[in-house]
Amino acid sequence: MTFGMILRTVFELALVIFTVWAVFHEDRFAAAEERLFARIRRKRLSVVRKNNLSQTAERPFIRRGI
């Protein structure tokens, strides 16, 4: 076995174990998801607040109110 195959097998095994854990602990997984999404929203909002309108108009991928 090459190193790449070993690394891929370990990654696939970790993914299967995480999936089984997520099925049995769905509430904890959903709470972690919400925390992650809230952190991303806070960072996006802070970028919008720090910039003035002329800079946000140049960067259309930042949507206001999210």
C-alpha atoms as a PDB file:
ATOM      1  CA  MET A   1       0.000   0.000   0.000  1.00  0.00           C
ATOM      2  CA  THR A   2       1.192   3.459  -0.785  1.00  0.00           C
ATOM      3  CA  PHE A   3       1.032   6.353   1.629  1.00  0.00           C
ATOM      4  CA  GLY A   4      -1.777   7.924  -0.402  1.00  0.00           C
ATOM      5  CA  MET A   5      -3.945   4.825  -0.117  1.00  0.00           C
ATOM      6  CA  ILE A   6      -3.345   4.601   3.626  1.00  0.00           C
ATOM      7  CA  LEU A   7      -4.217   8.273   4.077  1.00  0.00           C
ATOM      8  CA  ARG A   8      -7.384   7.875   2.004  1.00  0.00           C
ATOM      9  CA  THR A   9      -8.450   4.784   3.973  1.00  0.00           C
ATOM     10  CA  VAL A  10      -7.925   6.566   7.294  1.00  0.00           C
ATOM     11  CA  PHE A  11      -9.916   9.566   6.033  1.00  0.00           C
ATOM     12  CA  GLU A  12     -12.787   7.361   4.826  1.00  0.00           C
ATOM     13  CA  LEU A  13     -12.848   5.471   8.131  1.00  0.00           C
ATOM     14  CA  ALA A  14     -12.949   8.751  10.085  1.00  0.00           C
ATOM     15  CA  LEU A  15     -15.803   9.964   7.862  1.00  0.00           C
ATOM     16  CA  VAL A  16     -17.827   6.789   8.484  1.00  0.00           C
ATOM     17  CA  ILE A  17     -17.234   7.002  12.243  1.00  0.00           C
ATOM     18  CA  PHE A  18     -18.256  10.684  12.282  1.00  0.00           C
ATOM     19  CA  THR A  19     -21.410   9.907  10.280  1.00  0.00           C
ATOM     20  CA  VAL A  20     -22.446   7.179  12.718  1.00  0.00           C
ATOM     21  CA  TRP A  21     -21.745   9.511  15.663  1.00  0.00           C
ATOM     22  CA  ALA A  22     -23.800  12.288  14.023  1.00  0.00           C
ATOM     23  CA  VAL A  23     -26.773   9.943  13.591  1.00  0.00           C
ATOM     24  CA  PHE A  24     -26.836   9.120  17.296  1.00  0.00           C
ATOM     25  CA  HIS A  25     -25.987  12.648  18.516  1.00  0.00           C
ATOM     26  CA  GLU A  26     -28.008  14.717  16.080  1.00  0.00           C
ATOM     27  CA  ASP A  27     -28.878  17.400  18.636  1.00  0.00           C
ATOM     28  CA  ARG A  28     -25.215  18.087  19.475  1.00  0.00           C
ATOM     29  CA  PHE A  29     -24.295  18.090  15.783  1.00  0.00           C
ATOM     30  CA  ALA A  30     -27.099  20.550  14.960  1.00  0.00           C
ATOM     31  CA  ALA A  31     -26.015  22.836  17.808  1.00  0.00           C
ATOM     32  CA  ALA A  32     -22.426  22.819  16.512  1.00  0.00           C
ATOM     33  CA  GLU A  33     -23.710  23.641  13.017  1.00  0.00           C
ATOM     34  CA  GLU A  34     -25.677  26.605  14.351  1.00  0.00           C
ATOM     35  CA  ARG A  35     -22.637  27.921  16.232  1.00  0.00           C
ATOM     36  CA  LEU A  36     -20.538  27.645  13.075  1.00  0.00           C
ATOM     37  CA  PHE A  37     -23.134  29.447  10.932  1.00  0.00           C
ATOM     38  CA  ALA A  38     -23.535  32.173  13.566  1.00  0.00           C
ATOM     39  CA  ARG A  39     -19.776  32.732  13.637  1.00  0.00           C
ATOM     40  CA  ILE A  40     -19.681  33.030   9.831  1.00  0.00           C
ATOM     41  CA  ARG A  41     -22.604  35.491   9.873  1.00  0.00           C
ATOM     42  CA  ARG A  42     -20.897  37.595  12.551  1.00  0.00           C
ATOM     43  CA  LYS A  43     -17.703  37.797  10.509  1.00  0.00           C
ATOM     44  CA  ARG A  44     -19.625  38.776   7.361  1.00  0.00           C
ATOM     45  CA  LEU A  45     -21.560  41.421   9.242  1.00  0.00           C
ATOM     46  CA  SER A  46     -18.395  42.862  10.780  1.00  0.00           C
ATOM     47  CA  VAL A  47     -16.895  43.170   7.289  1.00  0.00           C
ATOM     48  CA  VAL A  48     -19.977  45.077   6.121  1.00  0.00           C
ATOM     49  CA  ARG A  49     -19.918  47.347   9.175  1.00  0.00           C
ATOM     50  CA  LYS A  50     -16.221  48.190   8.819  1.00  0.00           C
ATOM     51  CA  ASN A  51     -16.515  49.120   5.150  1.00  0.00           C
ATOM     52  CA  ASN A  52     -18.303  52.152   3.848  1.00  0.00           C
ATOM     53  CA  LEU A  53     -20.934  51.979   1.098  1.00  0.00           C
ATOM     54  CA  SER A  54     -18.513  52.631  -1.756  1.00  0.00           C
ATOM     55  CA  GLN A  55     -16.400  49.625  -0.797  1.00  0.00           C
ATOM     56  CA  THR A  56     -19.368  47.296  -0.353  1.00  0.00           C
ATOM     57  CA  ALA A  57     -20.717  48.325  -3.769  1.00  0.00           C
ATOM     58  CA  GLU A  58     -17.450  47.143  -5.321  1.00  0.00           C
ATOM     59  CA  ARG A  59     -17.779  43.757  -3.616  1.00  0.00           C
ATOM     60  CA  PRO A  60     -21.228  42.417  -4.579  1.00  0.00           C
ATOM     61  CA  PHE A  61     -20.669  38.996  -3.000  1.00  0.00           C
ATOM     62  CA  ILE A  62     -21.208  40.461   0.476  1.00  0.00           C
ATOM     63  CA  ARG A  63     -24.924  40.595   1.074  1.00  0.00           C
ATOM     64  CA  ARG A  64     -26.289  42.880   3.737  1.00  0.00           C
ATOM     65  CA  GLY A  65     -28.567  41.569   6.454  1.00  0.00           C
ATOM     66  CA  ILE A  66     -27.188  38.044   6.630  1.00  0.00           C
END
